[in-house]
Protein backbone atom coordinates (compact mmCIF):
# COMPACT_ATOMS: atom_id res chain seq x y z
CA MET A 1 -13.31 -7.37 216.96
CA ILE A 2 -13.54 -3.60 217.24
CA ALA A 3 -17.20 -2.71 217.64
CA LEU A 4 -19.07 -2.18 214.36
CA SER A 5 -22.77 -1.73 213.72
CA LEU A 6 -24.60 -4.11 211.43
CA ALA A 7 -25.36 -1.17 209.14
CA GLU A 8 -21.64 -0.37 208.84
CA ILE A 9 -20.75 -4.01 208.22
CA ALA A 10 -23.41 -4.28 205.51
CA SER A 11 -22.00 -1.18 203.83
CA VAL A 12 -18.41 -2.46 204.00
CA VAL A 13 -19.23 -5.88 202.51
CA GLY A 14 -21.82 -4.66 200.03
CA GLY A 15 -24.58 -6.75 201.59
CA GLN A 16 -28.31 -6.47 202.19
CA THR A 17 -29.79 -6.68 205.67
CA HIS A 18 -32.58 -9.19 206.33
CA ASP A 19 -34.69 -9.73 209.46
CA ILE A 20 -32.70 -7.10 211.40
CA PRO A 21 -35.05 -4.87 213.45
CA ASP A 22 -32.28 -2.43 214.39
CA THR A 23 -29.21 -2.10 212.17
CA SER A 24 -27.48 0.10 214.76
CA VAL A 25 -26.90 -2.98 216.91
CA GLN A 26 -23.16 -3.63 217.14
CA VAL A 27 -20.99 -6.69 216.76
CA THR A 28 -18.82 -6.57 219.87
CA GLY A 29 -17.63 -10.18 220.05
CA GLN A 30 -15.72 -12.56 217.80
CA VAL A 31 -16.30 -13.18 214.10
CA VAL A 32 -16.58 -16.99 213.86
CA ARG A 33 -17.20 -19.65 211.25
CA ASP A 34 -17.71 -22.52 213.72
CA SER A 35 -21.19 -22.40 215.21
CA ARG A 36 -19.85 -23.86 218.46
CA GLU A 37 -17.77 -20.70 218.97
CA ALA A 38 -20.70 -18.31 218.65
CA GLY A 39 -21.39 -16.25 221.75
CA PRO A 40 -22.81 -12.93 222.92
CA GLY A 41 -22.12 -10.15 220.44
CA SER A 42 -20.56 -12.39 217.79
CA LEU A 43 -20.98 -12.46 214.02
CA PHE A 44 -21.35 -15.91 212.46
CA VAL A 45 -19.99 -16.45 208.94
CA ALA A 46 -22.01 -19.14 207.15
CA PHE A 47 -19.85 -21.10 204.73
CA ALA A 48 -21.47 -23.81 202.63
CA GLY A 49 -19.12 -26.80 202.52
CA GLU A 50 -19.34 -30.19 200.86
CA ARG A 51 -20.61 -31.87 204.03
CA VAL A 52 -21.89 -29.08 206.25
CA ASP A 53 -23.74 -25.88 205.36
CA GLY A 54 -23.28 -23.13 207.94
CA HIS A 55 -26.64 -21.64 207.00
CA ASP A 56 -28.29 -24.60 208.72
CA PHE A 57 -26.93 -23.38 212.08
CA ALA A 58 -28.18 -19.79 211.78
CA ALA A 59 -30.95 -20.09 214.35
CA ALA A 60 -28.69 -21.89 216.82
CA VAL A 61 -25.94 -19.26 216.72
CA VAL A 62 -28.41 -16.41 217.23
CA GLU A 63 -29.87 -18.28 220.18
CA ALA A 64 -26.31 -18.56 221.54
CA GLY A 65 -25.94 -14.79 221.37
CA ALA A 66 -24.70 -14.01 217.87
CA VAL A 67 -25.90 -10.61 216.66
CA ALA A 68 -26.27 -11.70 213.04
CA VAL A 69 -25.21 -14.13 210.32
CA LEU A 70 -23.13 -13.27 207.25
CA ALA A 71 -24.80 -15.43 204.62
CA THR A 72 -25.57 -15.90 200.95
CA ARG A 73 -29.32 -16.15 201.48
CA PRO A 74 -31.92 -15.11 204.06
CA VAL A 75 -31.94 -17.54 206.98
CA GLY A 76 -34.94 -16.46 209.05
CA VAL A 77 -32.82 -14.67 211.68
CA PRO A 78 -30.85 -11.38 211.53
CA ALA A 79 -28.53 -11.66 208.53
CA ILE A 80 -26.36 -9.68 206.14
CA VAL A 81 -26.73 -11.33 202.75
CA VAL A 82 -23.90 -11.19 200.19
CA ASP A 83 -23.05 -12.92 196.93
CA ASP A 84 -19.74 -14.33 198.17
CA VAL A 85 -19.15 -14.91 201.89
CA GLN A 86 -15.40 -15.37 201.53
CA ARG A 87 -14.91 -12.08 199.70
CA ALA A 88 -17.19 -10.31 202.17
CA LEU A 89 -15.12 -11.67 205.04
CA GLY A 90 -11.98 -10.36 203.36
CA ALA A 91 -13.48 -6.92 202.80
CA LEU A 92 -14.48 -6.72 206.45
CA ALA A 93 -10.96 -7.70 207.54
CA ARG A 94 -9.43 -5.01 205.31
CA HIS A 95 -11.77 -2.41 206.80
CA VAL A 96 -10.95 -3.39 210.38
CA VAL A 97 -7.19 -3.51 209.77
CA GLU A 98 -7.28 0.00 208.33
CA ARG A 99 -8.98 1.26 211.49
CA LEU A 100 -6.81 -0.59 213.99
CA GLY A 101 -3.64 1.46 214.11
CA ALA A 102 -1.67 -1.71 214.84
CA THR A 103 1.60 -2.68 213.15
CA LEU A 104 0.94 -5.61 210.86
CA VAL A 105 3.67 -8.25 210.51
CA ALA A 106 3.22 -10.90 207.81
CA LEU A 107 5.40 -13.93 207.20
CA THR A 108 5.66 -16.73 204.71
CA GLY A 109 8.05 -19.50 203.69
CA SER A 110 8.19 -23.15 202.71
CA ALA A 111 9.01 -24.44 206.19
CA GLY A 112 8.92 -23.17 209.75
CA LYS A 113 6.15 -20.58 209.31
CA THR A 114 4.07 -21.60 212.28
CA SER A 115 6.98 -22.09 214.68
CA THR A 116 8.43 -18.71 213.69
CA LYS A 117 5.06 -16.99 213.95
CA ASP A 118 4.70 -18.37 217.46
CA LEU A 119 8.17 -17.09 218.38
CA ILE A 120 7.46 -13.62 216.98
CA ALA A 121 4.21 -13.43 218.92
CA GLN A 122 5.82 -14.50 222.18
CA VAL A 123 8.60 -11.94 221.79
CA LEU A 124 6.37 -9.04 220.76
CA ARG A 125 3.75 -9.58 223.43
CA THR A 126 6.39 -8.82 226.06
CA LYS A 127 6.36 -5.30 224.58
CA ALA A 128 2.67 -4.67 223.76
CA PRO A 129 -0.69 -6.44 223.19
CA THR A 130 -0.27 -8.85 220.28
CA VAL A 131 -2.73 -10.88 218.20
CA PHE A 132 -1.44 -13.69 216.00
CA THR A 133 -2.56 -16.51 213.75
CA PRO A 134 -3.71 -19.52 215.81
CA GLY A 135 -2.11 -22.76 214.62
CA SER A 136 -1.74 -22.75 210.84
CA LEU A 137 -4.90 -20.85 209.87
CA ASN A 138 -3.01 -19.04 207.13
CA ASN A 139 -5.36 -19.11 204.15
CA GLU A 140 -8.06 -16.87 202.67
CA ILE A 141 -10.44 -17.76 205.52
CA GLY A 142 -8.15 -18.18 208.52
CA LEU A 143 -6.18 -14.99 207.86
CA PRO A 144 -9.13 -12.56 207.85
CA LEU A 145 -10.66 -14.30 210.87
CA THR A 146 -7.40 -13.72 212.75
CA ALA A 147 -7.29 -10.07 211.69
CA LEU A 148 -10.86 -9.61 212.87
CA SER A 149 -9.96 -10.94 216.32
CA ALA A 150 -7.83 -7.84 216.97
CA THR A 151 -9.23 -5.14 219.26
CA GLY A 152 -8.57 -1.48 219.83
CA GLU A 153 -5.84 -2.43 222.31
CA THR A 154 -3.90 -4.53 219.77
CA ARG A 155 -0.53 -3.02 218.86
CA PHE A 156 0.99 -5.89 216.87
CA LEU A 157 -0.88 -8.17 214.47
CA VAL A 158 1.21 -11.15 213.34
CA LEU A 159 -0.20 -13.05 210.37
CA GLU A 160 1.09 -16.24 208.77
CA MET A 161 0.48 -16.42 205.02
CA GLY A 162 0.38 -19.69 203.09
CA ALA A 163 0.21 -20.23 199.35
CA ARG A 164 -0.59 -23.05 196.98
CA GLY A 165 -0.15 -21.05 193.80
CA ILE A 166 0.89 -17.78 192.22
CA GLY A 167 -1.27 -14.87 193.38
CA HIS A 168 -2.37 -16.36 196.71
CA ILE A 169 -0.06 -14.26 198.89
CA ARG A 170 -0.78 -11.17 196.81
CA TYR A 171 -4.47 -11.67 197.61
CA LEU A 172 -3.82 -12.14 201.34
CA ALA A 173 -1.51 -9.13 201.50
CA ASP A 174 -4.20 -7.02 199.86
CA LEU A 175 -6.68 -8.05 202.56
CA THR A 176 -4.24 -7.25 205.37
CA PRO A 177 -1.50 -4.90 204.08
CA PRO A 178 1.67 -5.55 206.09
CA LYS A 179 4.21 -3.00 207.31
CA ILE A 180 6.82 -5.71 207.91
CA GLY A 181 7.10 -8.70 205.57
CA LEU A 182 9.23 -11.72 206.50
CA VAL A 183 10.25 -14.49 204.08
CA LEU A 184 11.84 -17.49 205.79
CA ASN A 185 12.94 -19.79 202.99
CA VAL A 186 12.12 -21.30 199.62
CA GLY A 187 11.97 -25.08 199.74
CA THR A 188 10.06 -27.87 198.07
CA ALA A 189 6.79 -27.86 200.04
CA HIS A 190 3.90 -28.06 197.52
CA ILE A 191 6.42 -28.27 194.66
CA GLY A 192 4.03 -30.61 192.87
CA GLU A 193 1.49 -27.80 192.70
CA PHE A 194 3.91 -24.97 191.91
CA GLY A 195 6.09 -26.81 189.39
CA GLY A 196 9.53 -25.82 190.76
CA ARG A 197 11.45 -23.83 193.36
CA GLU A 198 11.63 -20.78 191.09
CA GLN A 199 7.84 -20.68 190.94
CA ILE A 200 7.69 -21.07 194.73
CA ALA A 201 10.08 -18.11 195.06
CA GLU A 202 7.90 -16.12 192.70
CA ALA A 203 4.88 -16.76 194.92
CA LYS A 204 6.62 -16.11 198.25
CA GLY A 205 8.10 -12.88 196.92
CA GLU A 206 4.64 -11.43 196.43
CA LEU A 207 4.81 -10.54 200.12
CA VAL A 208 7.75 -8.16 199.78
CA GLU A 209 6.23 -6.66 196.64
CA ALA A 210 3.21 -5.67 198.72
CA LEU A 211 5.23 -3.67 201.26
CA PRO A 212 5.08 0.14 201.32
CA GLU A 213 8.16 2.33 200.90
CA ASP A 214 8.28 2.95 204.65
CA GLY A 215 7.96 -0.77 205.36
CA THR A 216 10.63 -3.40 205.99
CA ALA A 217 11.37 -6.64 204.16
CA VAL A 218 13.00 -9.15 206.53
CA LEU A 219 14.86 -11.68 204.39
CA ASN A 220 16.91 -14.82 205.04
CA ALA A 221 20.52 -14.06 204.12
CA ASP A 222 21.31 -17.80 204.07
CA ASP A 223 18.78 -18.62 201.32
CA PRO A 224 19.84 -17.28 197.89
CA LEU A 225 16.31 -17.34 196.48
CA VAL A 226 15.02 -15.34 199.45
CA ARG A 227 17.92 -12.91 199.49
CA ALA A 228 17.31 -12.17 195.80
CA MET A 229 13.85 -10.87 196.71
CA ALA A 230 15.52 -7.63 197.86
CA SER A 231 15.28 -6.46 194.24
CA ARG A 232 11.51 -6.96 194.26
CA THR A 233 10.61 -4.53 197.03
CA LYS A 234 10.62 -0.79 197.53
CA ALA A 235 10.81 -1.30 201.29
CA ARG A 236 13.97 -1.26 203.39
CA VAL A 237 15.69 -4.67 203.60
CA LEU A 238 16.84 -6.26 206.86
CA LEU A 239 18.79 -9.53 206.60
CA PHE A 240 18.86 -12.33 209.18
CA GLY A 241 20.84 -15.55 209.27
CA GLU A 242 24.18 -17.05 210.16
CA SER A 243 25.91 -15.26 207.30
CA GLY A 244 28.42 -12.61 208.34
CA GLU A 245 26.52 -10.18 206.12
CA ALA A 246 23.27 -10.59 208.07
CA ASP A 247 22.09 -7.60 210.11
CA VAL A 248 20.69 -9.97 212.73
CA ARG A 249 22.81 -13.08 213.03
CA ALA A 250 23.79 -16.01 215.23
CA GLU A 251 27.29 -16.91 216.29
CA ASN A 252 28.63 -19.81 218.36
CA VAL A 253 25.61 -22.03 217.73
CA ARG A 254 25.65 -25.14 219.90
CA LEU A 255 23.26 -27.87 221.03
CA SER A 256 22.70 -29.18 224.54
CA GLY A 257 22.72 -32.90 225.23
CA ASN A 258 18.97 -33.05 224.64
CA GLY A 259 19.08 -31.08 221.37
CA GLN A 260 18.11 -27.59 222.56
CA PRO A 261 20.05 -24.82 220.78
CA SER A 262 21.98 -21.91 222.26
CA PHE A 263 23.72 -19.09 220.40
CA SER A 264 25.01 -15.54 220.60
CA LEU A 265 22.46 -13.14 219.14
CA HIS A 266 23.95 -10.15 217.32
CA THR A 267 21.76 -7.20 216.31
CA PRO A 268 22.68 -3.71 215.07
CA THR A 269 22.15 -2.41 218.63
CA GLY A 270 23.93 -5.07 220.67
CA CYS A 271 24.40 -8.75 221.40
CA SER A 272 23.08 -11.20 223.98
CA GLU A 273 22.97 -14.93 224.72
CA VAL A 274 19.98 -17.11 223.83
CA THR A 275 19.24 -20.58 225.22
CA MET A 276 16.08 -21.99 223.67
CA ARG A 277 13.49 -24.32 225.14
CA LEU A 278 12.63 -25.67 221.69
CA TYR A 279 14.35 -28.72 220.17
CA GLY A 280 16.48 -28.79 217.03
CA GLU A 281 19.11 -26.57 215.45
CA HIS A 282 16.64 -25.48 212.75
CA HIS A 283 14.96 -23.28 215.37
CA VAL A 284 18.01 -21.01 215.35
CA SER A 285 16.97 -19.64 211.96
CA ASN A 286 13.38 -19.26 213.17
CA ALA A 287 14.62 -17.40 216.26
CA LEU A 288 16.77 -15.08 214.16
CA ALA A 289 13.78 -14.23 211.99
CA ALA A 290 11.76 -13.39 215.09
CA ALA A 291 14.66 -11.37 216.48
CA ALA A 292 14.93 -9.35 213.27
CA VAL A 293 11.24 -8.44 213.43
CA ALA A 294 11.52 -7.52 217.11
CA HIS A 295 14.63 -5.41 216.46
CA GLU A 296 12.79 -3.54 213.72
CA LEU A 297 10.02 -2.80 216.23
CA GLY A 298 12.41 -1.27 218.74
CA MET A 299 13.33 -4.09 221.12
CA SER A 300 16.86 -4.36 222.47
CA ALA A 301 19.08 -7.41 222.05
CA ASP A 302 18.71 -8.25 225.74
CA GLU A 303 14.91 -7.97 225.60
CA ILE A 304 14.78 -10.17 222.52
CA ALA A 305 17.15 -12.77 223.94
CA THR A 306 15.22 -13.02 227.18
CA ALA A 307 11.91 -13.48 225.36
CA LEU A 308 13.37 -16.08 222.96
CA SER A 309 14.88 -18.02 225.86
CA GLU A 310 11.49 -18.17 227.59
CA ALA A 311 9.43 -18.98 224.46
CA GLY A 312 7.87 -22.40 224.05
CA SER A 313 5.82 -24.19 221.43
CA LEU A 314 2.30 -22.77 221.11
CA SER A 315 1.05 -25.07 218.35
CA ARG A 316 0.35 -28.79 218.71
CA TRP A 317 2.38 -31.63 217.18
CA ARG A 318 5.45 -29.57 216.25
CA MET A 319 8.50 -31.11 217.93
CA GLU A 320 6.25 -31.76 220.92
CA VAL A 321 8.46 -33.69 223.36
CA THR A 322 7.04 -36.01 226.04
CA GLU A 323 9.13 -37.99 228.50
CA ARG A 324 7.35 -41.17 229.53
CA PRO A 325 7.74 -42.51 233.08
CA ASP A 326 9.64 -45.51 231.68
CA GLY A 327 12.32 -43.25 230.15
CA VAL A 328 11.08 -43.38 226.54
CA THR A 329 11.00 -39.98 224.83
CA ILE A 330 8.28 -39.32 222.23
CA VAL A 331 8.79 -36.45 219.75
CA ASN A 332 5.48 -35.67 218.05
CA ASP A 333 6.27 -33.60 214.95
CA ALA A 334 3.38 -35.06 212.98
CA TYR A 335 1.47 -31.90 212.09
CA ASN A 336 2.99 -31.75 208.62
CA ALA A 337 6.07 -32.65 206.60
CA ASN A 338 8.08 -31.60 203.57
CA PRO A 339 11.65 -32.50 202.62
CA GLU A 340 13.18 -29.54 204.47
CA SER A 341 11.24 -30.05 207.69
CA MET A 342 11.79 -33.82 207.54
CA ARG A 343 15.56 -33.35 207.31
CA ALA A 344 15.49 -30.85 210.17
CA ALA A 345 13.48 -33.23 212.35
CA LEU A 346 15.85 -36.14 211.65
CA ARG A 347 18.86 -34.00 212.59
CA ALA A 348 17.09 -32.98 215.78
CA LEU A 349 16.39 -36.65 216.56
CA ALA A 350 20.06 -37.49 216.04
CA ALA A 351 21.10 -34.67 218.39
CA MET A 352 18.56 -35.61 221.06
CA GLY A 353 19.40 -39.29 220.88
CA LYS A 354 23.17 -39.26 221.29
CA GLY A 355 24.07 -42.35 223.29
CA ARG A 356 20.48 -43.61 223.07
CA ARG A 357 18.53 -45.77 220.64
CA THR A 358 16.56 -43.67 218.15
CA TRP A 359 13.46 -44.45 216.09
CA ALA A 360 12.19 -42.48 213.10
CA VAL A 361 8.52 -43.25 212.45
CA LEU A 362 7.90 -41.54 209.12
CA GLY A 363 5.14 -41.34 206.56
CA GLN A 364 4.32 -39.71 203.26
CA MET A 365 5.36 -36.16 202.35
CA ALA A 366 2.46 -35.02 200.19
CA GLU A 367 2.26 -32.70 197.16
CA LEU A 368 5.76 -33.35 195.81
CA GLY A 369 4.68 -34.26 192.29
CA ASP A 370 7.44 -35.69 190.11
CA GLU A 371 9.94 -35.16 192.94
CA ALA A 372 8.17 -37.56 195.31
CA LEU A 373 10.28 -40.68 194.63
CA ALA A 374 13.61 -38.86 194.84
CA GLU A 375 12.68 -36.91 197.98
CA HIS A 376 11.37 -39.91 199.91
CA ASP A 377 14.40 -41.95 198.89
CA ALA A 378 16.68 -39.12 200.07
CA VAL A 379 15.01 -38.94 203.48
CA GLY A 380 15.44 -42.68 203.97
CA ARG A 381 19.12 -42.38 203.06
CA LEU A 382 19.59 -39.43 205.44
CA ALA A 383 18.23 -41.48 208.33
CA VAL A 384 21.03 -43.98 207.73
CA ARG A 385 23.71 -41.28 207.45
CA LEU A 386 22.58 -39.75 210.74
CA ASN A 387 22.85 -43.15 212.42
CA VAL A 388 19.19 -43.25 213.40
CA SER A 389 18.82 -46.69 214.96
CA LYS A 390 15.56 -47.80 213.37
CA LEU A 391 13.29 -46.46 210.62
CA VAL A 392 9.61 -47.38 210.59
CA ALA A 393 8.06 -46.27 207.30
CA VAL A 394 4.27 -46.11 207.59
CA GLY A 395 1.81 -46.20 204.69
CA GLY A 396 1.74 -47.10 201.02
CA ARG A 397 3.95 -46.36 198.03
CA GLU A 398 5.74 -43.29 199.44
CA ALA A 399 6.55 -45.14 202.67
CA SER A 400 8.05 -47.97 200.65
CA TRP A 401 10.33 -45.42 198.97
CA LEU A 402 11.48 -44.21 202.39
CA GLN A 403 12.31 -47.77 203.42
CA LEU A 404 14.01 -48.54 200.10
CA GLY A 405 16.20 -45.43 200.38
CA ALA A 406 17.40 -46.54 203.81
CA TYR A 407 18.00 -50.10 202.63
CA ASN A 408 19.98 -49.01 199.58
CA GLU A 409 22.13 -46.60 201.59
CA GLY A 410 23.93 -49.41 203.39
CA SER A 411 23.75 -52.42 205.64
CA TRP A 412 22.04 -50.39 208.35
CA GLY A 413 19.04 -50.26 206.07
CA GLU A 414 18.19 -53.74 207.23
CA GLU A 415 17.09 -52.03 210.45
CA SER A 416 14.34 -50.28 208.48
CA VAL A 417 10.86 -51.71 208.19
CA HIS A 418 7.77 -50.85 206.15
CA VAL A 419 4.35 -51.22 207.81
CA SER A 420 0.99 -50.62 206.23
CA ASP A 421 -0.73 -48.40 208.76
CA ALA A 422 -0.56 -46.54 212.06
CA GLN A 423 -1.90 -49.44 214.12
CA SER A 424 0.85 -51.71 212.81
CA ALA A 425 3.43 -49.08 213.73
CA VAL A 426 2.04 -48.79 217.26
CA ASP A 427 2.00 -52.58 217.71
CA LEU A 428 5.62 -52.82 216.54
CA LEU A 429 6.84 -50.02 218.78
CA ARG A 430 5.00 -51.27 221.86
CA SER A 431 6.68 -54.64 221.46
CA GLN A 432 10.20 -53.30 220.90
CA LEU A 433 10.60 -49.98 222.73
CA ARG A 434 12.81 -50.01 225.79
CA PRO A 435 13.73 -47.41 228.42
CA GLY A 436 15.90 -44.62 227.06
CA ASP A 437 14.66 -44.84 223.45
CA VAL A 438 13.80 -41.65 221.53
CA VAL A 439 10.96 -41.85 218.98
CA LEU A 440 10.29 -39.22 216.29
CA VAL A 441 6.90 -39.33 214.56
CA LYS A 442 6.50 -37.24 211.40
CA ALA A 443 4.49 -37.17 208.15
CA SER A 444 2.20 -34.91 206.17
CA ARG A 445 -0.98 -33.91 207.95
CA SER A 446 -3.16 -36.11 205.75
CA VAL A 447 -1.43 -39.24 207.07
CA GLY A 448 -2.57 -38.64 210.65
CA LEU A 449 0.53 -40.06 212.35
CA GLU A 450 -0.04 -37.86 215.41
CA ARG A 451 -2.25 -40.73 216.55
CA VAL A 452 0.78 -42.99 216.73
CA ALA A 453 2.53 -40.49 218.99
CA GLN A 454 -0.56 -40.04 221.13
CA ALA A 455 -1.01 -43.78 221.54
CA LEU A 456 2.61 -44.16 222.61
CA VAL A 457 2.35 -41.25 225.06
CA GLU A 458 -0.86 -42.56 226.56
CA GLY A 459 0.40 -46.12 226.68
CA THR A 460 -3.02 -47.45 225.75
CA GLU A 461 -3.39 -51.09 224.84
CA GLY A 462 -6.39 -50.70 222.57
CA GLU A 463 -6.51 -49.95 218.85
CA VAL A 464 -5.63 -46.57 217.40
CA ALA A 465 -8.37 -44.70 215.59
CA VAL A 466 -6.83 -43.94 212.21
CA ARG A 467 -8.42 -41.89 209.45
């Protein structure tokens, strides 16, 4: 974080200082909420959770070098006491962002946010110092913590914004006002909470509404609900996609034998060839979004193409490909799942597995509400249509819907099987996998199927620890 005195922080967050001998002492390190990350010069934010209360670690973090604790009560060590720690954290982030002088890029969408954010960061950091959201810390706590990790040298701050309801993105954009706002797509992720795609579009569009007149809204020309957001912003609009009307577009999209995409990148200032290291055609849209942001920030088509061609996956369990010594390929895409990302992963599996035997190890897609039965059934049917060799549906009711969809799609469905848990899936795969097979593992985060992928990669013979 940029250096701030405890007195200044207390003023910004509206807090009272307690047990601080000298309020001119500065926070020069990270702002952290995990006591294990506290170090010299840090500020520890004490959240009180259902199982763990951060206030209980106050003495330990100060001993580790933290300058003070942001808390809701005195803790016997230097502290700034506020009524609401989360709101205080947000106020501090807003204050720091206003002082940074960095260009703030925010992005949202139903699918592909984290992969696209990672691509944007990898492209922009070839131009100037860049700070970006780690993993998927895109909520009212993770976003301000990321913003506070920026320093005086930071020139680009790339923030992923998630939402589970109307008003969430508006709140995040108020904490960290963006100059460039990117909306990837409007799908069915969390549709059970929102109530419909129109409500999801309403929530995602809050990002472009927050942009200033001299800002830029980067919108997906291939998604009608996103493209329509142009009417909701006073900022300039830049379109990306495969549509001929897109300002930044892809032509001649093709896949290598192992499923890695290549395409011709066209921008308003030139064109260049991109060959990606990532797997799956869906990454073309993510790459175009990143290219549009980079173009807006002054990078040439050649610079963008080079950076995209060198970019890899920065976040775990997202199309993470491992080649085992015995020739089995494991694709760990188990961080999360929704209907759009599940379809994209299955298409990537089909492309990667041409001429090989393919396995789709799939579990529940959460938070689909009344659409859950239809969406799980549709994914099972798609696996059949893509000629995936074997479907292993893991879990309870939703998994049974996956298996039933595959079975009802045609005779191939007899190659599908429903197992109760991750250990059963591992046992089945260990007994039937053979050299050359390709295995995709994917489900919502709550299912924990990454443990299946890890067990297969490690080749362990013991039991899998499953939550």
